[in-house]
Amino acid sequence: MLDSASPKPELRAEFMAEAEAADQPASQVVRELMREYVQRQCQAREYDEFLHQKVESARKSVRAERGRSNAEIEVEFTNLPLSVPVPQTRREGCLDAGSGTGSR
């Protein structure tokens, strides 16, 4: 199936020239592109699931009348520091871009 997905001759020629200029075999570049694509897709699915869970949690909170007003949230966020470090974590199942292996 993948072998039948041939790029147009101009694109293929440009790709081959760039791979050669980078002193990398075209097959290695293709493998790297595939790993990056798989990782991006995995991260997008994880983010969608995270967002879905956050929304569902908020809905449950509202139904249980544990929600907070917009004014309460505004007060809380005006008291936060301007920059908050975001931890960099990788979830189970996604490929590590450089290794080609998952964290399973």
Protein backbone atom coordinates (compact mmCIF):
# COMPACT_ATOMS: atom_id res chain seq x y z
CA MET A 1 0.00 0.00 0.00
CA LEU A 2 2.73 2.48 0.97
CA ASP A 3 4.80 1.56 -2.08
CA SER A 4 1.95 2.64 -4.36
CA ALA A 5 1.98 6.18 -2.93
CA SER A 6 4.47 7.58 -5.42
CA PRO A 7 5.20 11.31 -5.32
CA LYS A 8 5.22 13.38 -8.47
CA PRO A 9 8.56 13.21 -10.31
CA GLU A 10 9.46 16.83 -9.48
CA LEU A 11 8.83 16.34 -5.77
CA ARG A 12 10.74 13.06 -5.77
CA ALA A 13 13.72 14.68 -7.52
CA GLU A 14 13.76 17.57 -5.02
CA PHE A 15 13.47 15.14 -2.11
CA MET A 16 16.32 12.98 -3.39
CA ALA A 17 18.51 16.06 -3.94
CA GLU A 18 17.84 17.33 -0.40
CA ALA A 19 18.53 13.92 1.15
CA GLU A 20 21.78 13.73 -0.79
CA ALA A 21 22.72 17.29 0.24
CA ALA A 22 22.15 16.27 3.87
CA ASP A 23 24.32 13.20 3.26
CA GLN A 24 21.50 10.89 4.33
CA PRO A 25 19.97 7.95 2.50
CA ALA A 26 16.47 8.76 1.28
CA SER A 27 15.12 5.68 3.10
CA GLN A 28 16.46 7.03 6.41
CA VAL A 29 14.78 10.40 5.81
CA VAL A 30 11.50 8.65 4.99
CA ARG A 31 11.71 6.59 8.19
CA GLU A 32 12.35 9.76 10.23
CA LEU A 33 9.39 11.50 8.58
CA MET A 34 7.18 8.51 9.32
CA ARG A 35 8.26 8.45 12.99
CA GLU A 36 7.59 12.18 13.32
CA TYR A 37 4.17 11.79 11.69
CA VAL A 38 3.22 8.91 14.00
CA GLN A 39 4.39 10.87 17.05
CA ARG A 40 2.41 13.99 16.03
CA GLN A 41 -0.72 11.92 15.45
CA CYS A 42 -0.32 10.18 18.80
CA GLN A 43 0.16 13.49 20.59
CA ALA A 44 -2.88 14.96 18.84
CA ARG A 45 -5.02 12.00 19.94
CA GLU A 46 -3.70 12.29 23.50
CA TYR A 47 -4.47 16.01 23.56
CA ASP A 48 -7.99 15.38 22.23
CA GLU A 49 -8.54 12.80 24.97
CA PHE A 50 -7.11 15.16 27.61
CA LEU A 51 -9.41 17.94 26.42
CA HIS A 52 -12.41 15.59 26.36
CA GLN A 53 -11.67 14.53 29.95
CA LYS A 54 -11.31 18.16 31.08
CA VAL A 55 -14.62 19.12 29.48
CA GLU A 56 -16.38 16.10 30.96
CA SER A 57 -14.92 16.89 34.39
CA ALA A 58 -16.15 20.47 34.12
CA ARG A 59 -19.61 19.29 33.07
CA LYS A 60 -19.80 16.92 36.05
CA SER A 61 -18.72 19.73 38.33
CA VAL A 62 -21.43 22.02 36.97
CA ARG A 63 -24.09 19.29 37.27
CA ALA A 64 -23.03 18.72 40.89
CA GLU A 65 -23.20 22.50 41.45
CA ARG A 66 -19.51 22.62 42.33
CA GLY A 67 -18.74 25.03 39.53
CA ARG A 68 -17.21 28.44 40.13
CA SER A 69 -18.31 31.72 38.65
CA ASN A 70 -16.30 33.51 36.01
CA ALA A 71 -15.58 36.29 38.54
CA GLU A 72 -14.03 33.76 40.96
CA ILE A 73 -11.85 32.35 38.21
CA GLU A 74 -10.76 35.84 37.09
CA VAL A 75 -9.69 36.73 40.64
CA GLU A 76 -7.73 33.50 40.97
CA PHE A 77 -5.91 33.97 37.65
CA THR A 78 -5.05 37.63 38.27
CA ASN A 79 -3.14 36.47 41.34
CA LEU A 80 -1.05 33.94 39.43
CA PRO A 81 2.51 34.75 38.30
CA LEU A 82 2.82 35.82 34.67
CA SER A 83 4.84 32.80 33.63
CA VAL A 84 4.22 29.31 34.91
CA PRO A 85 6.62 26.56 33.88
CA VAL A 86 4.90 23.76 31.98
CA PRO A 87 6.27 20.30 32.71
CA GLN A 88 7.34 18.34 29.65
CA THR A 89 5.97 14.82 29.94
CA ARG A 90 5.54 12.09 27.43
CA ARG A 91 2.62 9.72 27.72
CA GLU A 92 2.75 5.97 27.37
CA GLY A 93 2.39 4.69 23.83
CA CYS A 94 3.85 7.55 21.79
CA LEU A 95 7.02 7.07 19.84
CA ASP A 96 10.12 8.89 20.90
CA ALA A 97 10.96 10.87 17.74
CA GLY A 98 14.57 9.72 17.59
CA SER A 99 14.34 6.11 18.71
CA GLY A 100 11.54 4.57 16.70
CA THR A 101 10.31 2.83 19.82
CA GLY A 102 7.37 3.49 22.04
CA SER A 103 7.44 3.80 25.78
CA ARG A 104 5.31 0.72 26.37
